Amino acid sequence: DQPDWAKQLLHELEQSPGTRISDGELKARGIDPATVRRHFLRQYGMTFQAFTRARRMSTAFHQLRDGAKIDDAVFESGYESHSG
């Protein structure tokens, strides 16, 4: 079972894998960033920020594997540059 706030965060990432949600944004939503970190560490073995990075990377790899141009994969996956 996931708390409602975790379900909402996962839904947002599912809808837009390139989404970046900062600790400040979590606080603005009334969600304690430390609670999010602990929950994601318990559930997924990584922090929320590491989870979102892994999702972006996975999205980019899938796009490349499916024949996308590197520029498209980079920017559509939420990266701001190729070095990201």
Protein backbone atom coordinates (compact mmCIF):
# COMPACT_ATOMS: atom_id res chain seq x y z
CA ASP A 1 0.00 0.00 0.00
CA GLN A 2 1.14 3.48 -0.86
CA PRO A 3 0.11 6.66 0.95
CA ASP A 4 -2.09 8.94 -1.15
CA TRP A 5 0.72 11.47 -1.59
CA ALA A 6 3.02 8.73 -2.96
CA LYS A 7 0.33 7.53 -5.35
CA GLN A 8 -0.06 11.09 -6.62
CA LEU A 9 3.70 11.55 -7.11
CA LEU A 10 3.97 8.24 -8.95
CA HIS A 11 0.98 9.14 -11.12
CA GLU A 12 2.61 12.46 -12.06
CA LEU A 13 5.84 10.69 -12.99
CA GLU A 14 3.91 8.12 -15.00
CA GLN A 15 2.12 10.86 -16.94
CA SER A 16 5.29 12.89 -17.50
CA PRO A 17 8.55 11.00 -16.78
CA GLY A 18 10.60 14.17 -17.30
CA THR A 19 8.88 15.87 -14.36
CA ARG A 20 11.17 17.22 -11.68
CA ILE A 21 9.72 17.77 -8.22
CA SER A 22 12.03 19.58 -5.82
CA ASP A 23 12.00 19.46 -2.04
CA GLY A 24 10.59 22.98 -2.13
CA GLU A 25 7.70 21.83 -4.30
CA LEU A 26 7.04 18.92 -1.94
CA LYS A 27 6.94 21.34 1.00
CA ALA A 28 4.57 23.64 -0.90
CA ARG A 29 2.24 20.65 -1.30
CA GLY A 30 2.40 19.98 2.43
CA ILE A 31 4.57 16.88 2.03
CA ASP A 32 7.69 16.49 4.19
CA PRO A 33 10.68 15.75 1.90
CA ALA A 34 12.29 13.59 4.61
CA THR A 35 9.17 11.43 4.75
CA VAL A 36 9.26 11.06 0.97
CA ARG A 37 12.95 10.07 1.07
CA ARG A 38 12.37 7.46 3.78
CA HIS A 39 9.32 6.02 2.02
CA PHE A 40 11.11 5.68 -1.33
CA LEU A 41 14.18 4.19 0.34
CA ARG A 42 11.97 1.56 2.00
CA GLN A 43 9.84 0.83 -1.07
CA TYR A 44 12.37 1.16 -3.90
CA GLY A 45 15.82 1.15 -2.33
CA MET A 46 16.55 4.73 -3.45
CA THR A 47 15.54 8.27 -2.60
CA PHE A 48 12.72 9.99 -4.46
CA GLN A 49 15.19 12.17 -6.35
CA ALA A 50 17.22 9.09 -7.39
CA PHE A 51 13.96 7.38 -8.40
CA THR A 52 12.99 10.29 -10.66
CA ARG A 53 16.49 10.39 -12.21
CA ALA A 54 16.32 6.66 -12.90
CA ARG A 55 12.91 7.12 -14.55
CA ARG A 56 14.27 9.89 -16.80
CA MET A 57 17.25 7.73 -17.74
CA SER A 58 15.03 4.74 -18.45
CA THR A 59 12.76 6.84 -20.65
CA ALA A 60 15.75 8.14 -22.64
CA PHE A 61 17.21 4.64 -23.08
CA HIS A 62 13.87 3.26 -24.28
CA GLN A 63 13.52 6.08 -26.79
CA LEU A 64 17.04 5.50 -28.11
CA ARG A 65 16.47 1.76 -28.33
CA ASP A 66 13.30 2.41 -30.31
CA GLY A 67 15.21 4.53 -32.83
CA ALA A 68 14.69 8.08 -31.55
CA LYS A 69 17.32 10.68 -32.34
CA ILE A 70 19.57 11.47 -29.40
CA ASP A 71 18.41 15.11 -29.24
CA ASP A 72 14.78 13.99 -29.02
CA ALA A 73 15.54 11.39 -26.34
CA VAL A 74 17.53 13.88 -24.25
CA PHE A 75 15.06 16.73 -24.25
CA GLU A 76 11.84 14.70 -24.19
CA SER A 77 13.12 12.83 -21.13
CA GLY A 78 13.45 15.99 -19.09
CA TYR A 79 17.15 16.67 -19.47
CA GLU A 80 18.25 20.23 -20.11
CA SER A 81 21.39 19.27 -22.02
CA HIS A 82 23.26 16.28 -23.43
CA SER A 83 25.65 16.30 -20.48
CA GLY A 84 22.70 15.74 -18.12
